[in-house]
mmCIF file of all heavy atoms, coordinates in Angstrom:
data_MODEL
# 
_entry.id   MODEL 
# 
loop_
_atom_site.group_PDB 
_atom_site.id 
_atom_site.type_symbol 
_atom_site.label_atom_id 
_atom_site.label_alt_id 
_atom_site.label_comp_id 
_atom_site.label_asym_id 
_atom_site.label_entity_id 
_atom_site.label_seq_id 
_atom_site.pdbx_PDB_ins_code 
_atom_site.Cartn_x 
_atom_site.Cartn_y 
_atom_site.Cartn_z 
_atom_site.occupancy 
_atom_site.B_iso_or_equiv 
_atom_site.pdbx_formal_charge 
_atom_site.auth_seq_id 
_atom_site.auth_comp_id 
_atom_site.auth_asym_id 
_atom_site.auth_atom_id 
_atom_site.pdbx_PDB_model_num 
ATOM 1   N N   . VAL A 1 1  ? 23.965  -30.702 42.602 1.00 0.00 ? 1  VAL A N   1 
ATOM 2   C CA  . VAL A 1 1  ? 23.819  -32.169 42.551 1.00 0.00 ? 1  VAL A CA  1 
ATOM 3   C C   . VAL A 1 1  ? 24.339  -32.625 41.196 1.00 0.00 ? 1  VAL A C   1 
ATOM 4   O O   . VAL A 1 1  ? 23.990  -32.043 40.158 1.00 0.00 ? 1  VAL A O   1 
ATOM 5   C CB  . VAL A 1 1  ? 22.324  -32.580 42.690 1.00 0.00 ? 1  VAL A CB  1 
ATOM 6   C CG1 . VAL A 1 1  ? 22.178  -34.071 42.559 1.00 0.00 ? 1  VAL A CG1 1 
ATOM 7   C CG2 . VAL A 1 1  ? 21.732  -32.100 43.981 1.00 0.00 ? 1  VAL A CG2 1 
ATOM 8   N N   . VAL A 1 2  ? 25.183  -33.614 41.199 1.00 0.00 ? 2  VAL A N   1 
ATOM 9   C CA  . VAL A 1 2  ? 25.620  -34.250 39.946 1.00 0.00 ? 2  VAL A CA  1 
ATOM 10  C C   . VAL A 1 2  ? 24.956  -35.615 39.862 1.00 0.00 ? 2  VAL A C   1 
ATOM 11  O O   . VAL A 1 2  ? 25.074  -36.438 40.773 1.00 0.00 ? 2  VAL A O   1 
ATOM 12  C CB  . VAL A 1 2  ? 27.166  -34.402 39.888 1.00 0.00 ? 2  VAL A CB  1 
ATOM 13  C CG1 . VAL A 1 2  ? 27.576  -35.139 38.628 1.00 0.00 ? 2  VAL A CG1 1 
ATOM 14  C CG2 . VAL A 1 2  ? 27.860  -33.043 39.972 1.00 0.00 ? 2  VAL A CG2 1 
ATOM 15  N N   . VAL A 1 3  ? 24.181  -35.796 38.786 1.00 0.00 ? 3  VAL A N   1 
ATOM 16  C CA  . VAL A 1 3  ? 23.472  -37.060 38.590 1.00 0.00 ? 3  VAL A CA  1 
ATOM 17  C C   . VAL A 1 3  ? 24.248  -37.850 37.541 1.00 0.00 ? 3  VAL A C   1 
ATOM 18  O O   . VAL A 1 3  ? 24.483  -37.387 36.429 1.00 0.00 ? 3  VAL A O   1 
ATOM 19  C CB  . VAL A 1 3  ? 22.018  -36.810 38.077 1.00 0.00 ? 3  VAL A CB  1 
ATOM 20  C CG1 . VAL A 1 3  ? 21.342  -38.124 37.736 1.00 0.00 ? 3  VAL A CG1 1 
ATOM 21  C CG2 . VAL A 1 3  ? 21.237  -36.040 39.124 1.00 0.00 ? 3  VAL A CG2 1 
ATOM 22  N N   . ASN A 1 4  ? 24.665  -39.043 37.951 1.00 0.00 ? 4  ASN A N   1 
ATOM 23  C CA  . ASN A 1 4  ? 25.308  -39.980 37.013 1.00 0.00 ? 4  ASN A CA  1 
ATOM 24  C C   . ASN A 1 4  ? 24.197  -40.716 36.296 1.00 0.00 ? 4  ASN A C   1 
ATOM 25  O O   . ASN A 1 4  ? 23.472  -41.506 36.895 1.00 0.00 ? 4  ASN A O   1 
ATOM 26  C CB  . ASN A 1 4  ? 26.218  -40.943 37.782 1.00 0.00 ? 4  ASN A CB  1 
ATOM 27  C CG  . ASN A 1 4  ? 26.959  -41.897 36.854 1.00 0.00 ? 4  ASN A CG  1 
ATOM 28  O OD1 . ASN A 1 4  ? 26.603  -42.035 35.693 1.00 0.00 ? 4  ASN A OD1 1 
ATOM 29  N ND2 . ASN A 1 4  ? 27.967  -42.530 37.396 1.00 0.00 ? 4  ASN A ND2 1 
ATOM 30  N N   . LEU A 1 5  ? 24.019  -40.445 35.022 1.00 0.00 ? 5  LEU A N   1 
ATOM 31  C CA  . LEU A 1 5  ? 22.897  -40.995 34.269 1.00 0.00 ? 5  LEU A CA  1 
ATOM 32  C C   . LEU A 1 5  ? 22.984  -42.524 34.131 1.00 0.00 ? 5  LEU A C   1 
ATOM 33  O O   . LEU A 1 5  ? 21.974  -43.175 33.872 1.00 0.00 ? 5  LEU A O   1 
ATOM 34  C CB  . LEU A 1 5  ? 22.786  -40.333 32.905 1.00 0.00 ? 5  LEU A CB  1 
ATOM 35  C CG  . LEU A 1 5  ? 22.490  -38.837 32.961 1.00 0.00 ? 5  LEU A CG  1 
ATOM 36  C CD1 . LEU A 1 5  ? 22.514  -38.219 31.570 1.00 0.00 ? 5  LEU A CD1 1 
ATOM 37  C CD2 . LEU A 1 5  ? 21.168  -38.571 33.644 1.00 0.00 ? 5  LEU A CD2 1 
ATOM 38  N N   . ASP A 1 6  ? 24.173  -43.085 34.311 1.00 0.00 ? 6  ASP A N   1 
ATOM 39  C CA  . ASP A 1 6  ? 24.305  -44.543 34.276 1.00 0.00 ? 6  ASP A CA  1 
ATOM 40  C C   . ASP A 1 6  ? 23.678  -45.203 35.502 1.00 0.00 ? 6  ASP A C   1 
ATOM 41  O O   . ASP A 1 6  ? 23.381  -46.387 35.490 1.00 0.00 ? 6  ASP A O   1 
ATOM 42  C CB  . ASP A 1 6  ? 25.797  -44.948 34.180 1.00 0.00 ? 6  ASP A CB  1 
ATOM 43  C CG  . ASP A 1 6  ? 26.377  -44.584 32.831 1.00 0.00 ? 6  ASP A CG  1 
ATOM 44  O OD1 . ASP A 1 6  ? 25.639  -44.571 31.826 1.00 0.00 ? 6  ASP A OD1 1 
ATOM 45  O OD2 . ASP A 1 6  ? 27.594  -44.287 32.773 1.00 0.00 ? 6  ASP A OD2 1 
ATOM 46  N N   . GLU A 1 7  ? 23.467  -44.433 36.552 1.00 0.00 ? 7  GLU A N   1 
ATOM 47  C CA  . GLU A 1 7  ? 22.854  -44.965 37.789 1.00 0.00 ? 7  GLU A CA  1 
ATOM 48  C C   . GLU A 1 7  ? 21.346  -44.772 37.823 1.00 0.00 ? 7  GLU A C   1 
ATOM 49  O O   . GLU A 1 7  ? 20.670  -45.250 38.749 1.00 0.00 ? 7  GLU A O   1 
ATOM 50  C CB  . GLU A 1 7  ? 23.458  -44.269 39.017 1.00 0.00 ? 7  GLU A CB  1 
ATOM 51  C CG  . GLU A 1 7  ? 24.947  -44.568 39.195 1.00 0.00 ? 7  GLU A CG  1 
ATOM 52  C CD  . GLU A 1 7  ? 25.542  -43.760 40.348 1.00 0.00 ? 7  GLU A CD  1 
ATOM 53  O OE1 . GLU A 1 7  ? 24.807  -42.980 40.985 1.00 0.00 ? 7  GLU A OE1 1 
ATOM 54  O OE2 . GLU A 1 7  ? 26.752  -43.913 40.606 1.00 0.00 ? 7  GLU A OE2 1 
ATOM 55  N N   . VAL A 1 8  ? 20.789  -44.034 36.848 1.00 0.00 ? 8  VAL A N   1 
ATOM 56  C CA  . VAL A 1 8  ? 19.362  -43.734 36.847 1.00 0.00 ? 8  VAL A CA  1 
ATOM 57  C C   . VAL A 1 8  ? 18.567  -44.947 36.392 1.00 0.00 ? 8  VAL A C   1 
ATOM 58  O O   . VAL A 1 8  ? 18.822  -45.509 35.337 1.00 0.00 ? 8  VAL A O   1 
ATOM 59  C CB  . VAL A 1 8  ? 19.058  -42.518 35.924 1.00 0.00 ? 8  VAL A CB  1 
ATOM 60  C CG1 . VAL A 1 8  ? 17.549  -42.309 35.801 1.00 0.00 ? 8  VAL A CG1 1 
ATOM 61  C CG2 . VAL A 1 8  ? 19.738  -41.283 36.444 1.00 0.00 ? 8  VAL A CG2 1 
ATOM 62  N N   . LYS A 1 9  ? 17.626  -45.365 37.240 1.00 0.00 ? 9  LYS A N   1 
ATOM 63  C CA  . LYS A 1 9  ? 16.752  -46.492 36.924 1.00 0.00 ? 9  LYS A CA  1 
ATOM 64  C C   . LYS A 1 9  ? 15.621  -46.025 36.014 1.00 0.00 ? 9  LYS A C   1 
ATOM 65  O O   . LYS A 1 9  ? 15.261  -46.724 35.071 1.00 0.00 ? 9  LYS A O   1 
ATOM 66  C CB  . LYS A 1 9  ? 16.199  -47.046 38.235 1.00 0.00 ? 9  LYS A CB  1 
ATOM 67  C CG  . LYS A 1 9  ? 15.302  -48.245 38.086 1.00 0.00 ? 9  LYS A CG  1 
ATOM 68  C CD  . LYS A 1 9  ? 14.856  -48.718 39.468 1.00 0.00 ? 9  LYS A CD  1 
ATOM 69  C CE  . LYS A 1 9  ? 13.747  -49.707 39.358 1.00 0.00 ? 9  LYS A CE  1 
ATOM 70  N NZ  . LYS A 1 9  ? 13.237  -50.064 40.680 1.00 0.00 ? 9  LYS A NZ  1 
ATOM 71  N N   . SER A 1 10 ? 15.066  -44.849 36.303 1.00 0.00 ? 10 SER A N   1 
ATOM 72  C CA  . SER A 1 10 ? 14.026  -44.289 35.444 1.00 0.00 ? 10 SER A CA  1 
ATOM 73  C C   . SER A 1 10 ? 14.020  -42.777 35.541 1.00 0.00 ? 10 SER A C   1 
ATOM 74  O O   . SER A 1 10 ? 14.376  -42.179 36.546 1.00 0.00 ? 10 SER A O   1 
ATOM 75  C CB  . SER A 1 10 ? 12.651  -44.853 35.809 1.00 0.00 ? 10 SER A CB  1 
ATOM 76  O OG  . SER A 1 10 ? 12.256  -44.366 37.073 1.00 0.00 ? 10 SER A OG  1 
ATOM 77  N N   . CYS A 1 11 ? 13.627  -42.152 34.436 1.00 0.00 ? 11 CYS A N   1 
ATOM 78  C CA  . CYS A 1 11 ? 13.452  -40.722 34.361 1.00 0.00 ? 11 CYS A CA  1 
ATOM 79  C C   . CYS A 1 11 ? 12.032  -40.484 33.855 1.00 0.00 ? 11 CYS A C   1 
ATOM 80  O O   . CYS A 1 11 ? 11.677  -40.940 32.781 1.00 0.00 ? 11 CYS A O   1 
ATOM 81  C CB  . CYS A 1 11 ? 14.478  -40.108 33.396 1.00 0.00 ? 11 CYS A CB  1 
ATOM 82  S SG  . CYS A 1 11 ? 14.203  -38.352 33.075 1.00 0.00 ? 11 CYS A SG  1 
ATOM 83  N N   . SER A 1 12 ? 11.203  -39.829 34.682 1.00 0.00 ? 12 SER A N   1 
ATOM 84  C CA  . SER A 1 12 ? 9.808   -39.663 34.285 1.00 0.00 ? 12 SER A CA  1 
ATOM 85  C C   . SER A 1 12 ? 9.333   -38.247 34.468 1.00 0.00 ? 12 SER A C   1 
ATOM 86  O O   . SER A 1 12 ? 9.824   -37.494 35.313 1.00 0.00 ? 12 SER A O   1 
ATOM 87  C CB  . SER A 1 12 ? 8.914   -40.640 35.073 1.00 0.00 ? 12 SER A CB  1 
ATOM 88  O OG  . SER A 1 12 ? 9.074   -40.421 36.460 1.00 0.00 ? 12 SER A OG  1 
ATOM 89  N N   . LEU A 1 13 ? 8.372   -37.863 33.621 1.00 0.00 ? 13 LEU A N   1 
ATOM 90  C CA  . LEU A 1 13 ? 7.719   -36.574 33.736 1.00 0.00 ? 13 LEU A CA  1 
ATOM 91  C C   . LEU A 1 13 ? 6.633   -36.696 34.802 1.00 0.00 ? 13 LEU A C   1 
ATOM 92  O O   . LEU A 1 13 ? 5.809   -37.622 34.762 1.00 0.00 ? 13 LEU A O   1 
ATOM 93  C CB  . LEU A 1 13 ? 7.103   -36.203 32.397 1.00 0.00 ? 13 LEU A CB  1 
ATOM 94  C CG  . LEU A 1 13 ? 6.495   -34.821 32.283 1.00 0.00 ? 13 LEU A CG  1 
ATOM 95  C CD1 . LEU A 1 13 ? 7.554   -33.745 32.416 1.00 0.00 ? 13 LEU A CD1 1 
ATOM 96  C CD2 . LEU A 1 13 ? 5.765   -34.663 30.959 1.00 0.00 ? 13 LEU A CD2 1 
ATOM 97  N N   . LYS A 1 14 ? 6.668   -35.832 35.761 1.00 0.00 ? 14 LYS A N   1 
ATOM 98  C CA  . LYS A 1 14 ? 5.721   -35.884 36.877 1.00 0.00 ? 14 LYS A CA  1 
ATOM 99  C C   . LYS A 1 14 ? 4.869   -34.601 36.857 1.00 0.00 ? 14 LYS A C   1 
ATOM 100 O O   . LYS A 1 14 ? 5.422   -33.509 36.821 1.00 0.00 ? 14 LYS A O   1 
ATOM 101 C CB  . LYS A 1 14 ? 6.484   -35.983 38.194 1.00 0.00 ? 14 LYS A CB  1 
ATOM 102 C CG  . LYS A 1 14 ? 5.627   -36.030 39.416 1.00 0.00 ? 14 LYS A CG  1 
ATOM 103 C CD  . LYS A 1 14 ? 6.514   -36.133 40.668 1.00 0.00 ? 14 LYS A CD  1 
ATOM 104 C CE  . LYS A 1 14 ? 5.718   -35.996 41.922 1.00 0.00 ? 14 LYS A CE  1 
ATOM 105 N NZ  . LYS A 1 14 ? 6.572   -36.003 43.120 1.00 0.00 ? 14 LYS A NZ  1 
ATOM 106 N N   . LYS A 1 15 ? 3.554   -34.784 36.841 1.00 0.00 ? 15 LYS A N   1 
ATOM 107 C CA  . LYS A 1 15 ? 2.638   -33.647 36.881 1.00 0.00 ? 15 LYS A CA  1 
ATOM 108 C C   . LYS A 1 15 ? 1.754   -33.772 38.090 1.00 0.00 ? 15 LYS A C   1 
ATOM 109 O O   . LYS A 1 15 ? 1.259   -34.855 38.407 1.00 0.00 ? 15 LYS A O   1 
ATOM 110 C CB  . LYS A 1 15 ? 1.772   -33.619 35.622 1.00 0.00 ? 15 LYS A CB  1 
ATOM 111 C CG  . LYS A 1 15 ? 2.554   -33.288 34.369 1.00 0.00 ? 15 LYS A CG  1 
ATOM 112 C CD  . LYS A 1 15 ? 1.641   -33.120 33.171 1.00 0.00 ? 15 LYS A CD  1 
ATOM 113 C CE  . LYS A 1 15 ? 2.429   -32.727 31.942 1.00 0.00 ? 15 LYS A CE  1 
ATOM 114 N NZ  . LYS A 1 15 ? 1.531   -32.459 30.793 1.00 0.00 ? 15 LYS A NZ  1 
ATOM 115 N N   . VAL A 1 16 ? 1.564   -32.657 38.782 1.00 0.00 ? 16 VAL A N   1 
ATOM 116 C CA  . VAL A 1 16 ? 0.726   -32.596 39.968 1.00 0.00 ? 16 VAL A CA  1 
ATOM 117 C C   . VAL A 1 16 ? -0.353  -31.559 39.730 1.00 0.00 ? 16 VAL A C   1 
ATOM 118 O O   . VAL A 1 16 ? -0.038  -30.411 39.400 1.00 0.00 ? 16 VAL A O   1 
ATOM 119 C CB  . VAL A 1 16 ? 1.545   -32.265 41.229 1.00 0.00 ? 16 VAL A CB  1 
ATOM 120 C CG1 . VAL A 1 16 ? 0.636   -32.146 42.442 1.00 0.00 ? 16 VAL A CG1 1 
ATOM 121 C CG2 . VAL A 1 16 ? 2.627   -33.301 41.454 1.00 0.00 ? 16 VAL A CG2 1 
ATOM 122 N N   . TRP A 1 17 ? -1.601  -31.957 39.911 1.00 0.00 ? 17 TRP A N   1 
ATOM 123 C CA  . TRP A 1 17 ? -2.713  -31.063 39.731 1.00 0.00 ? 17 TRP A CA  1 
ATOM 124 C C   . TRP A 1 17 ? -3.214  -30.579 41.061 1.00 0.00 ? 17 TRP A C   1 
ATOM 125 O O   . TRP A 1 17 ? -3.150  -31.307 42.070 1.00 0.00 ? 17 TRP A O   1 
ATOM 126 C CB  . TRP A 1 17 ? -3.864  -31.759 38.983 1.00 0.00 ? 17 TRP A CB  1 
ATOM 127 C CG  . TRP A 1 17 ? -3.637  -31.834 37.519 1.00 0.00 ? 17 TRP A CG  1 
ATOM 128 C CD1 . TRP A 1 17 ? -4.062  -30.942 36.574 1.00 0.00 ? 17 TRP A CD1 1 
ATOM 129 C CD2 . TRP A 1 17 ? -2.904  -32.816 36.797 1.00 0.00 ? 17 TRP A CD2 1 
ATOM 130 N NE1 . TRP A 1 17 ? -3.656  -31.330 35.311 1.00 0.00 ? 17 TRP A NE1 1 
ATOM 131 C CE2 . TRP A 1 17 ? -2.930  -32.494 35.441 1.00 0.00 ? 17 TRP A CE2 1 
ATOM 132 C CE3 . TRP A 1 17 ? -2.206  -33.967 37.157 1.00 0.00 ? 17 TRP A CE3 1 
ATOM 133 C CZ2 . TRP A 1 17 ? -2.318  -33.239 34.439 1.00 0.00 ? 17 TRP A CZ2 1 
ATOM 134 C CZ3 . TRP A 1 17 ? -1.585  -34.715 36.179 1.00 0.00 ? 17 TRP A CZ3 1 
ATOM 135 C CH2 . TRP A 1 17 ? -1.624  -34.361 34.850 1.00 0.00 ? 17 TRP A CH2 1 
ATOM 136 N N   . GLY A 1 18 ? -3.789  -29.380 41.068 1.00 0.00 ? 18 GLY A N   1 
ATOM 137 C CA  . GLY A 1 18 ? -4.422  -28.857 42.273 1.00 0.00 ? 18 GLY A CA  1 
ATOM 138 C C   . GLY A 1 18 ? -5.739  -29.566 42.454 1.00 0.00 ? 18 GLY A C   1 
ATOM 139 O O   . GLY A 1 18 ? -6.130  -30.449 41.706 1.00 0.00 ? 18 GLY A O   1 
ATOM 140 N N   . SER A 1 19 ? -6.456  -29.157 43.488 1.00 0.00 ? 19 SER A N   1 
ATOM 141 C CA  . SER A 1 19 ? -7.745  -29.790 43.751 1.00 0.00 ? 19 SER A CA  1 
ATOM 142 C C   . SER A 1 19 ? -8.730  -29.473 42.620 1.00 0.00 ? 19 SER A C   1 
ATOM 143 O O   . SER A 1 19 ? -8.769  -28.356 42.118 1.00 0.00 ? 19 SER A O   1 
ATOM 144 C CB  . SER A 1 19 ? -8.300  -29.319 45.084 1.00 0.00 ? 19 SER A CB  1 
ATOM 145 O OG  . SER A 1 19 ? -8.480  -27.931 45.093 1.00 0.00 ? 19 SER A OG  1 
ATOM 146 N N   . ILE A 1 20 ? -9.445  -30.481 42.230 1.00 0.00 ? 20 ILE A N   1 
ATOM 147 C CA  . ILE A 1 20 ? -10.441 -30.318 41.145 1.00 0.00 ? 20 ILE A CA  1 
ATOM 148 C C   . ILE A 1 20 ? -11.813 -30.497 41.781 1.00 0.00 ? 20 ILE A C   1 
ATOM 149 O O   . ILE A 1 20 ? -12.146 -31.560 42.289 1.00 0.00 ? 20 ILE A O   1 
ATOM 150 C CB  . ILE A 1 20 ? -10.203 -31.381 40.059 1.00 0.00 ? 20 ILE A CB  1 
ATOM 151 C CG1 . ILE A 1 20 ? -8.780  -31.230 39.497 1.00 0.00 ? 20 ILE A CG1 1 
ATOM 152 C CG2 . ILE A 1 20 ? -11.266 -31.270 38.963 1.00 0.00 ? 20 ILE A CG2 1 
ATOM 153 C CD1 . ILE A 1 20 ? -8.394  -32.308 38.498 1.00 0.00 ? 20 ILE A CD1 1 
ATOM 154 N N   . LYS A 1 21 ? -12.563 -29.434 41.759 1.00 0.00 ? 21 LYS A N   1 
ATOM 155 C CA  . LYS A 1 21 ? -13.892 -29.438 42.350 1.00 0.00 ? 21 LYS A CA  1 
ATOM 156 C C   . LYS A 1 21 ? -14.910 -29.884 41.337 1.00 0.00 ? 21 LYS A C   1 
ATOM 157 O O   . LYS A 1 21 ? -14.671 -29.794 40.123 1.00 0.00 ? 21 LYS A O   1 
ATOM 158 C CB  . LYS A 1 21 ? -14.224 -28.045 42.900 1.00 0.00 ? 21 LYS A CB  1 
ATOM 159 C CG  . LYS A 1 21 ? -13.297 -27.580 43.974 1.00 0.00 ? 21 LYS A CG  1 
ATOM 160 C CD  . LYS A 1 21 ? -13.602 -26.171 44.417 1.00 0.00 ? 21 LYS A CD  1 
ATOM 161 C CE  . LYS A 1 21 ? -12.547 -25.752 45.393 1.00 0.00 ? 21 LYS A CE  1 
ATOM 162 N NZ  . LYS A 1 21 ? -11.916 -24.497 45.094 1.00 0.00 ? 21 LYS A NZ  1 
ATOM 163 N N   . ALA A 1 22 ? -16.044 -30.351 41.816 1.00 0.00 ? 22 ALA A N   1 
ATOM 164 C CA  . ALA A 1 22 ? -17.108 -30.772 40.918 1.00 0.00 ? 22 ALA A CA  1 
ATOM 165 C C   . ALA A 1 22 ? -17.474 -29.648 39.945 1.00 0.00 ? 22 ALA A C   1 
ATOM 166 O O   . ALA A 1 22 ? -17.676 -28.516 40.358 1.00 0.00 ? 22 ALA A O   1 
ATOM 167 C CB  . ALA A 1 22 ? -18.347 -31.179 41.728 1.00 0.00 ? 22 ALA A CB  1 
ATOM 168 N N   . GLY A 1 23 ? -17.498 -29.953 38.668 1.00 0.00 ? 23 GLY A N   1 
ATOM 169 C CA  . GLY A 1 23 ? -17.863 -28.992 37.647 1.00 0.00 ? 23 GLY A CA  1 
ATOM 170 C C   . GLY A 1 23 ? -16.695 -28.175 37.094 1.00 0.00 ? 23 GLY A C   1 
ATOM 171 O O   . GLY A 1 23 ? -16.847 -27.474 36.100 1.00 0.00 ? 23 GLY A O   1 
ATOM 172 N N   . ASP A 1 24 ? -15.492 -28.261 37.737 1.00 0.00 ? 24 ASP A N   1 
ATOM 173 C CA  . ASP A 1 24 ? -14.337 -27.503 37.269 1.00 0.00 ? 24 ASP A CA  1 
ATOM 174 C C   . ASP A 1 24 ? -13.989 -27.824 35.819 1.00 0.00 ? 24 ASP A C   1 
ATOM 175 O O   . ASP A 1 24 ? -13.612 -26.945 35.048 1.00 0.00 ? 24 ASP A O   1 
ATOM 176 C CB  . ASP A 1 24 ? -13.108 -27.742 38.146 1.00 0.00 ? 24 ASP A CB  1 
ATOM 177 C CG  . ASP A 1 24 ? -13.035 -26.807 39.329 1.00 0.00 ? 24 ASP A CG  1 
ATOM 178 O OD1 . ASP A 1 24 ? -13.875 -25.895 39.428 1.00 0.00 ? 24 ASP A OD1 1 
ATOM 179 O OD2 . ASP A 1 24 ? -12.128 -27.006 40.168 1.00 0.00 ? 24 ASP A OD2 1 
ATOM 180 N N   . LEU A 1 25 ? -14.068 -29.109 35.453 1.00 0.00 ? 25 LEU A N   1 
ATOM 181 C CA  . LEU A 1 25 ? -13.654 -29.522 34.130 1.00 0.00 ? 25 LEU A CA  1 
ATOM 182 C C   . LEU A 1 25 ? -14.655 -29.124 33.040 1.00 0.00 ? 25 LEU A C   1 
ATOM 183 O O   . LEU A 1 25 ? -14.358 -29.211 31.859 1.00 0.00 ? 25 LEU A O   1 
ATOM 184 C CB  . LEU A 1 25 ? -13.369 -31.018 34.082 1.00 0.00 ? 25 LEU A CB  1 
ATOM 185 C CG  . LEU A 1 25 ? -12.182 -31.440 34.981 1.00 0.00 ? 25 LEU A CG  1 
ATOM 186 C CD1 . LEU A 1 25 ? -11.997 -32.937 34.961 1.00 0.00 ? 25 LEU A CD1 1 
ATOM 187 C CD2 . LEU A 1 25 ? -10.899 -30.738 34.526 1.00 0.00 ? 25 LEU A CD2 1 
ATOM 188 N N   . LYS A 1 26 ? -15.814 -28.660 33.448 1.00 0.00 ? 26 LYS A N   1 
ATOM 189 C CA  . LYS A 1 26 ? -16.783 -28.147 32.485 1.00 0.00 ? 26 LYS A CA  1 
ATOM 190 C C   . LYS A 1 26 ? -16.424 -26.713 32.062 1.00 0.00 ? 26 LYS A C   1 
ATOM 191 O O   . LYS A 1 26 ? -16.684 -26.292 30.960 1.00 0.00 ? 26 LYS A O   1 
ATOM 192 C CB  . LYS A 1 26 ? -18.189 -28.161 33.041 1.00 0.00 ? 26 LYS A CB  1 
ATOM 193 C CG  . LYS A 1 26 ? -18.760 -29.566 33.245 1.00 0.00 ? 26 LYS A CG  1 
ATOM 194 C CD  . LYS A 1 26 ? -20.123 -29.514 33.842 1.00 0.00 ? 26 LYS A CD  1 
ATOM 195 C CE  . LYS A 1 26 ? -20.634 -30.940 34.067 1.00 0.00 ? 26 LYS A CE  1 
ATOM 196 N NZ  . LYS A 1 26 ? -21.928 -30.954 34.724 1.00 0.00 ? 26 LYS A NZ  1 
ATOM 197 N N   . ARG A 1 27 ? -15.790 -25.983 33.000 1.00 0.00 ? 27 ARG A N   1 
ATOM 198 C CA  . ARG A 1 27 ? -15.428 -24.586 32.755 1.00 0.00 ? 27 ARG A CA  1 
ATOM 199 C C   . ARG A 1 27 ? -13.958 -24.403 32.386 1.00 0.00 ? 27 ARG A C   1 
ATOM 200 O O   . ARG A 1 27 ? -13.647 -23.424 31.717 1.00 0.00 ? 27 ARG A O   1 
ATOM 201 C CB  . ARG A 1 27 ? -15.710 -23.770 34.018 1.00 0.00 ? 27 ARG A CB  1 
ATOM 202 C CG  . ARG A 1 27 ? -17.184 -23.701 34.387 1.00 0.00 ? 27 ARG A CG  1 
ATOM 203 C CD  . ARG A 1 27 ? -17.436 -22.791 35.584 1.00 0.00 ? 27 ARG A CD  1 
ATOM 204 N NE  . ARG A 1 27 ? -16.581 -23.110 36.752 1.00 0.00 ? 27 ARG A NE  1 
ATOM 205 C CZ  . ARG A 1 27 ? -16.923 -23.970 37.704 1.00 0.00 ? 27 ARG A CZ  1 
ATOM 206 N NH1 . ARG A 1 27 ? -18.066 -24.622 37.630 1.00 0.00 ? 27 ARG A NH1 1 
ATOM 207 N NH2 . ARG A 1 27 ? -16.125 -24.189 38.725 1.00 0.00 ? 27 ARG A NH2 1 
ATOM 208 N N   . ARG A 1 28 ? -13.124 -25.318 32.809 1.00 0.00 ? 28 ARG A N   1 
ATOM 209 C CA  . ARG A 1 28 ? -11.676 -25.145 32.599 1.00 0.00 ? 28 ARG A CA  1 
ATOM 210 C C   . ARG A 1 28 ? -11.074 -26.452 32.051 1.00 0.00 ? 28 ARG A C   1 
ATOM 211 O O   . ARG A 1 28 ? -11.569 -27.535 32.328 1.00 0.00 ? 28 ARG A O   1 
ATOM 212 C CB  . ARG A 1 28 ? -11.008 -24.813 33.923 1.00 0.00 ? 28 ARG A CB  1 
ATOM 213 C CG  . ARG A 1 28 ? -11.504 -23.518 34.514 1.00 0.00 ? 28 ARG A CG  1 
ATOM 214 C CD  . ARG A 1 28 ? -11.094 -23.319 35.934 1.00 0.00 ? 28 ARG A CD  1 
ATOM 215 N NE  . ARG A 1 28 ? -9.650  -23.118 36.098 1.00 0.00 ? 28 ARG A NE  1 
ATOM 216 C CZ  . ARG A 1 28 ? -9.063  -23.082 37.270 1.00 0.00 ? 28 ARG A CZ  1 
ATOM 217 N NH1 . ARG A 1 28 ? -9.748  -23.258 38.375 1.00 0.00 ? 28 ARG A NH1 1 
ATOM 218 N NH2 . ARG A 1 28 ? -7.769  -22.896 37.357 1.00 0.00 ? 28 ARG A NH2 1 
# 
């Protein structure tokens, strides 16, 4: 794929997290 950067409306960093169960953020 060749992307012409002059045609790009936005370039963004996209992060996707897995499922977060109750209490997960206390341990991890």
